[in-house]
C-alpha atoms as a PDB file:
ATOM      1  CA  MET A   1      96.021  17.896 153.060  1.00  0.00           C
ATOM      2  CA  HIS A   2      97.629  17.938 156.470  1.00  0.00           C
ATOM      3  CA  VAL A   3      96.210  20.348 159.075  1.00  0.00           C
ATOM      4  CA  HIS A   4      97.816  21.292 162.377  1.00  0.00           C
ATOM      5  CA  ALA A   5      94.833  22.552 164.364  1.00  0.00           C
ATOM      6  CA  GLU A   6      92.227  21.595 166.903  1.00  0.00           C
ATOM      7  CA  SER A   7      88.464  21.752 166.462  1.00  0.00           C
ATOM      8  CA  LEU A   8      85.798  21.356 169.123  1.00  0.00           C
ATOM      9  CA  GLU A   9      83.214  20.799 166.388  1.00  0.00           C
ATOM     10  CA  PHE A  10      85.251  18.020 164.797  1.00  0.00           C
ATOM     11  CA  GLY A  11      85.667  16.429 168.239  1.00  0.00           C
ATOM     12  CA  TRP A  12      81.896  16.624 168.713  1.00  0.00           C
ATOM     13  CA  ILE A  13      81.325  14.781 165.399  1.00  0.00           C
ATOM     14  CA  TYR A  14      83.620  11.954 166.477  1.00  0.00           C
ATOM     15  CA  GLY A  15      82.072  11.926 169.958  1.00  0.00           C
ATOM     16  CA  THR A  16      78.552  11.518 168.581  1.00  0.00           C
ATOM     17  CA  ALA A  17      79.838   8.529 166.610  1.00  0.00           C
ATOM     18  CA  GLY A  18      81.202   7.045 169.842  1.00  0.00           C
ATOM     19  CA  LEU A  19      84.806   7.523 168.803  1.00  0.00           C
ATOM     20  CA  PRO A  20      87.600   9.341 170.605  1.00  0.00           C
ATOM     21  CA  PRO A  21      88.435  12.630 168.887  1.00  0.00           C
ATOM     22  CA  PRO A  22      91.691  12.384 166.924  1.00  0.00           C
ATOM     23  CA  ARG A  23      94.194  15.186 166.707  1.00  0.00           C
ATOM     24  CA  LEU A  24      93.695  16.915 163.378  1.00  0.00           C
ATOM     25  CA  SER A  25      97.472  17.004 162.957  1.00  0.00           C
ATOM     26  CA  GLU A  26      97.404  13.183 162.814  1.00  0.00           C
ATOM     27  CA  MET A  27      94.837  13.048 160.002  1.00  0.00           C
ATOM     28  CA  HIS A  28      95.298  13.366 156.267  1.00  0.00           C
ATOM     29  CA  PHE A  29      92.298  14.715 154.400  1.00  0.00           C
ATOM     30  CA  PRO A  30      91.660  13.627 150.793  1.00  0.00           C
ATOM     31  CA  VAL A  31      91.702  16.509 148.341  1.00  0.00           C
ATOM     32  CA  GLY A  32      91.081  15.218 144.860  1.00  0.00           C
ATOM     33  CA  GLY A  33      93.022  11.989 144.425  1.00  0.00           C
ATOM     34  CA  ARG A  34      96.188  11.626 142.385  1.00  0.00           C
ATOM     35  CA  ARG A  35      94.835  13.371 139.284  1.00  0.00           C
ATOM     36  CA  PHE A  36      93.069  16.339 140.823  1.00  0.00           C
ATOM     37  CA  ARG A  37      95.033  17.178 143.953  1.00  0.00           C
ATOM     38  CA  PRO A  38      96.124  20.751 144.669  1.00  0.00           C
ATOM     39  CA  THR A  39      99.458  21.769 143.207  1.00  0.00           C
ATOM     40  CA  VAL A  40     102.361  23.848 144.459  1.00  0.00           C
ATOM     41  CA  GLU A  41     101.336  26.441 141.873  1.00  0.00           C
ATOM     42  CA  GLU A  42      97.840  26.661 143.349  1.00  0.00           C
ATOM     43  CA  PHE A  43      99.361  27.057 146.808  1.00  0.00           C
ATOM     44  CA  LEU A  44     101.547  29.929 145.565  1.00  0.00           C
ATOM     45  CA  LYS A  45      98.487  31.587 144.046  1.00  0.00           C
ATOM     46  CA  PHE A  46      96.703  31.133 147.386  1.00  0.00           C
ATOM     47  CA  LEU A  47      99.564  32.840 149.224  1.00  0.00           C
ATOM     48  CA  ASP A  48      99.354  35.760 146.803  1.00  0.00           C
ATOM     49  CA  ARG A  49      95.544  35.998 146.825  1.00  0.00           C
ATOM     50  CA  GLU A  50      95.438  36.024 150.638  1.00  0.00           C
ATOM     51  CA  GLU A  51      98.418  38.413 150.756  1.00  0.00           C
ATOM     52  CA  LEU A  52     100.334  36.019 152.992  1.00  0.00           C
ATOM     53  CA  PHE A  53     103.434  36.571 150.865  1.00  0.00           C
ATOM     54  CA  VAL A  54     104.060  39.710 148.829  1.00  0.00           C
ATOM     55  CA  ASP A  55     107.778  39.677 147.973  1.00  0.00           C
ATOM     56  CA  TRP A  56     107.415  38.040 144.557  1.00  0.00           C
ATOM     57  CA  GLN A  57     110.041  38.258 141.820  1.00  0.00           C
ATOM     58  CA  GLU A  58     108.947  40.109 138.690  1.00  0.00           C
ATOM     59  CA  GLY A  59     107.220  37.767 136.236  1.00  0.00           C
ATOM     60  CA  TRP A  60     106.451  35.093 138.821  1.00  0.00           C
ATOM     61  CA  ALA A  61     102.719  34.966 138.034  1.00  0.00           C
ATOM     62  CA  GLY A  62     103.264  34.098 134.363  1.00  0.00           C
ATOM     63  CA  ILE A  63     105.706  31.344 135.263  1.00  0.00           C
ATOM     64  CA  VAL A  64     103.295  29.880 137.813  1.00  0.00           C
ATOM     65  CA  GLU A  65     100.365  30.072 135.364  1.00  0.00           C
ATOM     66  CA  GLY A  66     102.422  28.375 132.627  1.00  0.00           C
ATOM     67  CA  SER A  67     103.479  25.581 134.944  1.00  0.00           C
ATOM     68  CA  LEU A  68      99.913  25.101 136.198  1.00  0.00           C
ATOM     69  CA  SER A  69      98.583  25.016 132.643  1.00  0.00           C
ATOM     70  CA  GLU A  70     101.135  22.340 131.706  1.00  0.00           C
ATOM     71  CA  TRP A  71     100.177  20.291 134.796  1.00  0.00           C
ATOM     72  CA  GLU A  72      96.471  20.539 133.909  1.00  0.00           C
ATOM     73  CA  ARG A  73      97.111  19.460 130.287  1.00  0.00           C
ATOM     74  CA  ASN A  74      99.142  16.465 131.472  1.00  0.00           C
ATOM     75  CA  GLN A  75      96.423  15.475 133.936  1.00  0.00           C
ATOM     76  CA  ALA A  76      93.713  15.872 131.274  1.00  0.00           C
ATOM     77  CA  GLN A  77      95.636  13.561 128.943  1.00  0.00           C
ATOM     78  CA  ALA A  78      96.188  11.013 131.702  1.00  0.00           C
ATOM     79  CA  THR A  79      92.517  11.178 132.685  1.00  0.00           C
ATOM     80  CA  VAL A  80      91.453  10.560 129.073  1.00  0.00           C
ATOM     81  CA  ARG A  81      93.754   7.513 128.932  1.00  0.00           C
ATOM     82  CA  GLN A  82      92.255   6.225 132.188  1.00  0.00           C
ATOM     83  CA  HIS A  83      88.619   7.033 131.283  1.00  0.00           C
ATOM     84  CA  THR A  84      88.619   6.882 127.483  1.00  0.00           C
ATOM     85  CA  GLU A  85      84.957   5.950 127.048  1.00  0.00           C
ATOM     86  CA  ALA A  86      83.801   8.831 129.243  1.00  0.00           C
ATOM     87  CA  ALA A  87      86.052  11.233 127.329  1.00  0.00           C
ATOM     88  CA  VAL A  88      84.750  10.001 123.957  1.00  0.00           C
ATOM     89  CA  ALA A  89      81.150  10.264 125.136  1.00  0.00           C
ATOM     90  CA  GLN A  90      81.679  13.830 126.336  1.00  0.00           C
ATOM     91  CA  LEU A  91      83.399  14.887 123.102  1.00  0.00           C
ATOM     92  CA  ARG A  92      80.517  13.414 121.107  1.00  0.00           C
ATOM     93  CA  ARG A  93      78.011  15.354 123.240  1.00  0.00           C
ATOM     94  CA  MET A  94      80.006  18.463 122.378  1.00  0.00           C
ATOM     95  CA  GLY A  95      79.643  17.696 118.668  1.00  0.00           C
ATOM     96  CA  TYR A  96      83.040  16.181 117.913  1.00  0.00           C
ATOM     97  CA  GLY A  97      83.218  13.272 115.491  1.00  0.00           C
ATOM     98  CA  ILE A  98      85.173  10.482 117.136  1.00  0.00           C
ATOM     99  CA  THR A  99      86.111   7.221 115.446  1.00  0.00           C
ATOM    100  CA  SER A 100      87.621   4.169 117.099  1.00  0.00           C
ATOM    101  CA  PRO A 101      91.208   3.341 116.221  1.00  0.00           C
ATOM    102  CA  PRO A 102      91.875   0.317 113.994  1.00  0.00           C
ATOM    103  CA  PRO A 103      92.597  -2.939 115.818  1.00  0.00           C
ATOM    104  CA  ALA A 104      96.262  -3.426 116.641  1.00  0.00           C
ATOM    105  CA  ILE A 105      98.024  -5.857 114.311  1.00  0.00           C
ATOM    106  CA  GLY A 106      99.144  -9.081 115.920  1.00  0.00           C
ATOM    107  CA  MET A 107      96.897  -8.668 118.934  1.00  0.00           C
ATOM    108  CA  GLY A 108      94.315 -11.199 119.941  1.00  0.00           C
END
């Protein structure tokens, strides 16, 4: 997330650490890593929720929700591939029966 703003409080935090206060516009704040970062769809929903934009085309909300749902499914699948053991453990806690795949032929 990139913020163009100034904050006396943020400057105070840096000052108490003995560091010069940076400009917030020069900093990039982490917001969830590559898998869980905010999406364009979430930003559009934010604009609508805060009434910062109101001239939407008819049906926009369904399109945005569909796109966001697809993004979330893709990220869930990628997260399971990256953290398979954690995913299996959670599914087992939820009562799912999970079996390991057979060993790949010709491997090892």
